[in-house]
């Protein structure tokens, strides 16, 4: 689970540093321990975050029923910001 959370936070920090923001996304681990990034597409270029979260959760539930995941992790912007060192959060917020 640490590897999954670490991968999600690394991606979130990358997106924040590069773009200043990111849409919610997920990181999953297959039964063979392959780590995969997952995004939710609503059909809109700039959807509300909750719509993306709903798509992700629906996809996670469907994938779990099919046995596609060993574990999964959702990453939302506030999660990434709260785990960053204060200096990094402040530099991104500028």
C-alpha atoms as a PDB file:
ATOM      1  CA  UNK A   1       0.000   0.000   0.000  1.00  0.00           C
ATOM      2  CA  UNK A   2       2.886   2.392   0.686  1.00  0.00           C
ATOM      3  CA  UNK A   3       4.089   1.989  -2.908  1.00  0.00           C
ATOM      4  CA  UNK A   4       0.643   2.904  -4.198  1.00  0.00           C
ATOM      5  CA  UNK A   5       0.293   5.962  -1.981  1.00  0.00           C
ATOM      6  CA  UNK A   6       3.845   7.041  -2.823  1.00  0.00           C
ATOM      7  CA  UNK A   7       3.146   6.742  -6.560  1.00  0.00           C
ATOM      8  CA  UNK A   8      -0.071   8.742  -6.220  1.00  0.00           C
ATOM      9  CA  UNK A   9       1.573  11.501  -4.224  1.00  0.00           C
ATOM     10  CA  UNK A  10       4.530  11.691  -6.626  1.00  0.00           C
ATOM     11  CA  UNK A  11       2.131  12.135  -9.542  1.00  0.00           C
ATOM     12  CA  UNK A  12       0.074  14.717  -7.647  1.00  0.00           C
ATOM     13  CA  UNK A  13       3.152  16.745  -6.749  1.00  0.00           C
ATOM     14  CA  UNK A  14       4.350  16.568 -10.369  1.00  0.00           C
ATOM     15  CA  UNK A  15       0.984  17.849 -11.650  1.00  0.00           C
ATOM     16  CA  UNK A  16       0.904  20.618  -9.033  1.00  0.00           C
ATOM     17  CA  UNK A  17       4.426  21.762  -9.862  1.00  0.00           C
ATOM     18  CA  UNK A  18       3.842  21.583 -13.626  1.00  0.00           C
ATOM     19  CA  UNK A  19       0.256  22.838 -13.880  1.00  0.00           C
ATOM     20  CA  UNK A  20      -0.604  24.282 -10.478  1.00  0.00           C
ATOM     21  CA  UNK A  21      -3.570  21.917 -10.213  1.00  0.00           C
ATOM     22  CA  UNK A  22      -4.874  18.493 -11.160  1.00  0.00           C
ATOM     23  CA  UNK A  23      -8.120  16.609 -11.432  1.00  0.00           C
ATOM     24  CA  UNK A  24      -8.724  13.728  -9.025  1.00  0.00           C
ATOM     25  CA  UNK A  25      -7.180  10.476 -10.232  1.00  0.00           C
ATOM     26  CA  UNK A  26      -6.555   6.984  -8.974  1.00  0.00           C
ATOM     27  CA  UNK A  27      -3.677   4.588  -8.720  1.00  0.00           C
ATOM     28  CA  UNK A  28      -4.340   0.859  -8.684  1.00  0.00           C
ATOM     29  CA  UNK A  29      -2.294  -2.257  -8.198  1.00  0.00           C
ATOM     30  CA  UNK A  30      -3.133  -5.325 -10.234  1.00  0.00           C
ATOM     31  CA  UNK A  31      -3.037  -8.825  -8.741  1.00  0.00           C
ATOM     32  CA  UNK A  32       0.425  -9.159 -10.359  1.00  0.00           C
ATOM     33  CA  UNK A  33       1.528  -5.980  -8.462  1.00  0.00           C
ATOM     34  CA  UNK A  34       1.625  -3.709 -11.550  1.00  0.00           C
ATOM     35  CA  UNK A  35       0.907  -0.072 -10.599  1.00  0.00           C
ATOM     36  CA  UNK A  36      -1.487   1.690 -12.967  1.00  0.00           C
ATOM     37  CA  UNK A  37      -2.682   5.323 -13.026  1.00  0.00           C
ATOM     38  CA  UNK A  38      -6.414   5.778 -13.577  1.00  0.00           C
ATOM     39  CA  UNK A  39      -8.253   8.894 -14.708  1.00  0.00           C
ATOM     40  CA  UNK A  40     -11.972   9.534 -14.927  1.00  0.00           C
ATOM     41  CA  UNK A  41     -13.312  11.028 -18.160  1.00  0.00           C
ATOM     42  CA  UNK A  42     -16.690  12.754 -17.999  1.00  0.00           C
ATOM     43  CA  UNK A  43     -16.709  14.020 -21.584  1.00  0.00           C
ATOM     44  CA  UNK A  44     -15.993  17.578 -20.414  1.00  0.00           C
ATOM     45  CA  UNK A  45     -12.572  19.256 -20.583  1.00  0.00           C
ATOM     46  CA  UNK A  46     -13.102  21.028 -17.230  1.00  0.00           C
ATOM     47  CA  UNK A  47     -15.580  18.982 -15.191  1.00  0.00           C
ATOM     48  CA  UNK A  48     -16.370  19.574 -11.526  1.00  0.00           C
ATOM     49  CA  UNK A  49     -14.055  17.443  -9.379  1.00  0.00           C
ATOM     50  CA  UNK A  50     -16.979  15.562  -7.844  1.00  0.00           C
ATOM     51  CA  UNK A  51     -18.037  14.309 -11.281  1.00  0.00           C
ATOM     52  CA  UNK A  52     -14.532  12.943 -11.858  1.00  0.00           C
ATOM     53  CA  UNK A  53     -14.561  11.324  -8.406  1.00  0.00           C
ATOM     54  CA  UNK A  54     -17.922   9.690  -9.164  1.00  0.00           C
ATOM     55  CA  UNK A  55     -16.578   8.263 -12.445  1.00  0.00           C
ATOM     56  CA  UNK A  56     -13.448   6.979 -10.688  1.00  0.00           C
ATOM     57  CA  UNK A  57     -15.396   5.331  -7.872  1.00  0.00           C
ATOM     58  CA  UNK A  58     -17.775   3.687 -10.337  1.00  0.00           C
ATOM     59  CA  UNK A  59     -14.809   2.382 -12.329  1.00  0.00           C
ATOM     60  CA  UNK A  60     -13.081   1.141  -9.180  1.00  0.00           C
ATOM     61  CA  UNK A  61     -16.206  -0.744  -8.103  1.00  0.00           C
ATOM     62  CA  UNK A  62     -16.574  -2.358 -11.529  1.00  0.00           C
ATOM     63  CA  UNK A  63     -12.883  -3.289 -11.646  1.00  0.00           C
ATOM     64  CA  UNK A  64     -13.020  -4.753  -8.142  1.00  0.00           C
ATOM     65  CA  UNK A  65     -15.978  -6.939  -9.133  1.00  0.00           C
ATOM     66  CA  UNK A  66     -13.912  -8.253 -12.053  1.00  0.00           C
ATOM     67  CA  UNK A  67     -10.919  -8.917  -9.767  1.00  0.00           C
ATOM     68  CA  UNK A  68      -8.698  -6.380 -11.554  1.00  0.00           C
ATOM     69  CA  UNK A  69      -7.252  -4.778  -8.423  1.00  0.00           C
ATOM     70  CA  UNK A  70      -5.185  -5.969  -5.541  1.00  0.00           C
ATOM     71  CA  UNK A  71      -5.532  -2.494  -3.978  1.00  0.00           C
ATOM     72  CA  UNK A  72      -6.477   0.989  -5.150  1.00  0.00           C
ATOM     73  CA  UNK A  73      -5.893   4.574  -4.028  1.00  0.00           C
ATOM     74  CA  UNK A  74      -7.808   7.710  -4.971  1.00  0.00           C
ATOM     75  CA  UNK A  75      -5.886  10.984  -5.016  1.00  0.00           C
ATOM     76  CA  UNK A  76      -7.637  14.313  -4.667  1.00  0.00           C
ATOM     77  CA  UNK A  77      -5.909  17.724  -4.754  1.00  0.00           C
ATOM     78  CA  UNK A  78      -6.374  18.385  -1.023  1.00  0.00           C
ATOM     79  CA  UNK A  79      -4.769  15.041  -0.128  1.00  0.00           C
ATOM     80  CA  UNK A  80      -1.626  15.953  -2.021  1.00  0.00           C
ATOM     81  CA  UNK A  81      -1.369  19.420  -0.559  1.00  0.00           C
ATOM     82  CA  UNK A  82      -1.863  18.202   3.020  1.00  0.00           C
ATOM     83  CA  UNK A  83       1.033  15.717   2.775  1.00  0.00           C
ATOM     84  CA  UNK A  84       3.553  18.112   1.221  1.00  0.00           C
ATOM     85  CA  UNK A  85       6.144  19.959   3.264  1.00  0.00           C
ATOM     86  CA  UNK A  86       4.943  23.474   4.118  1.00  0.00           C
ATOM     87  CA  UNK A  87       7.627  25.167   1.974  1.00  0.00           C
ATOM     88  CA  UNK A  88       6.537  23.189  -1.075  1.00  0.00           C
ATOM     89  CA  UNK A  89       2.837  24.004  -0.485  1.00  0.00           C
ATOM     90  CA  UNK A  90       3.687  27.701  -0.168  1.00  0.00           C
ATOM     91  CA  UNK A  91       5.761  27.729  -3.361  1.00  0.00           C
ATOM     92  CA  UNK A  92       2.942  26.076  -5.311  1.00  0.00           C
ATOM     93  CA  UNK A  93       0.350  28.464  -3.861  1.00  0.00           C
ATOM     94  CA  UNK A  94       2.323  31.537  -5.044  1.00  0.00           C
END
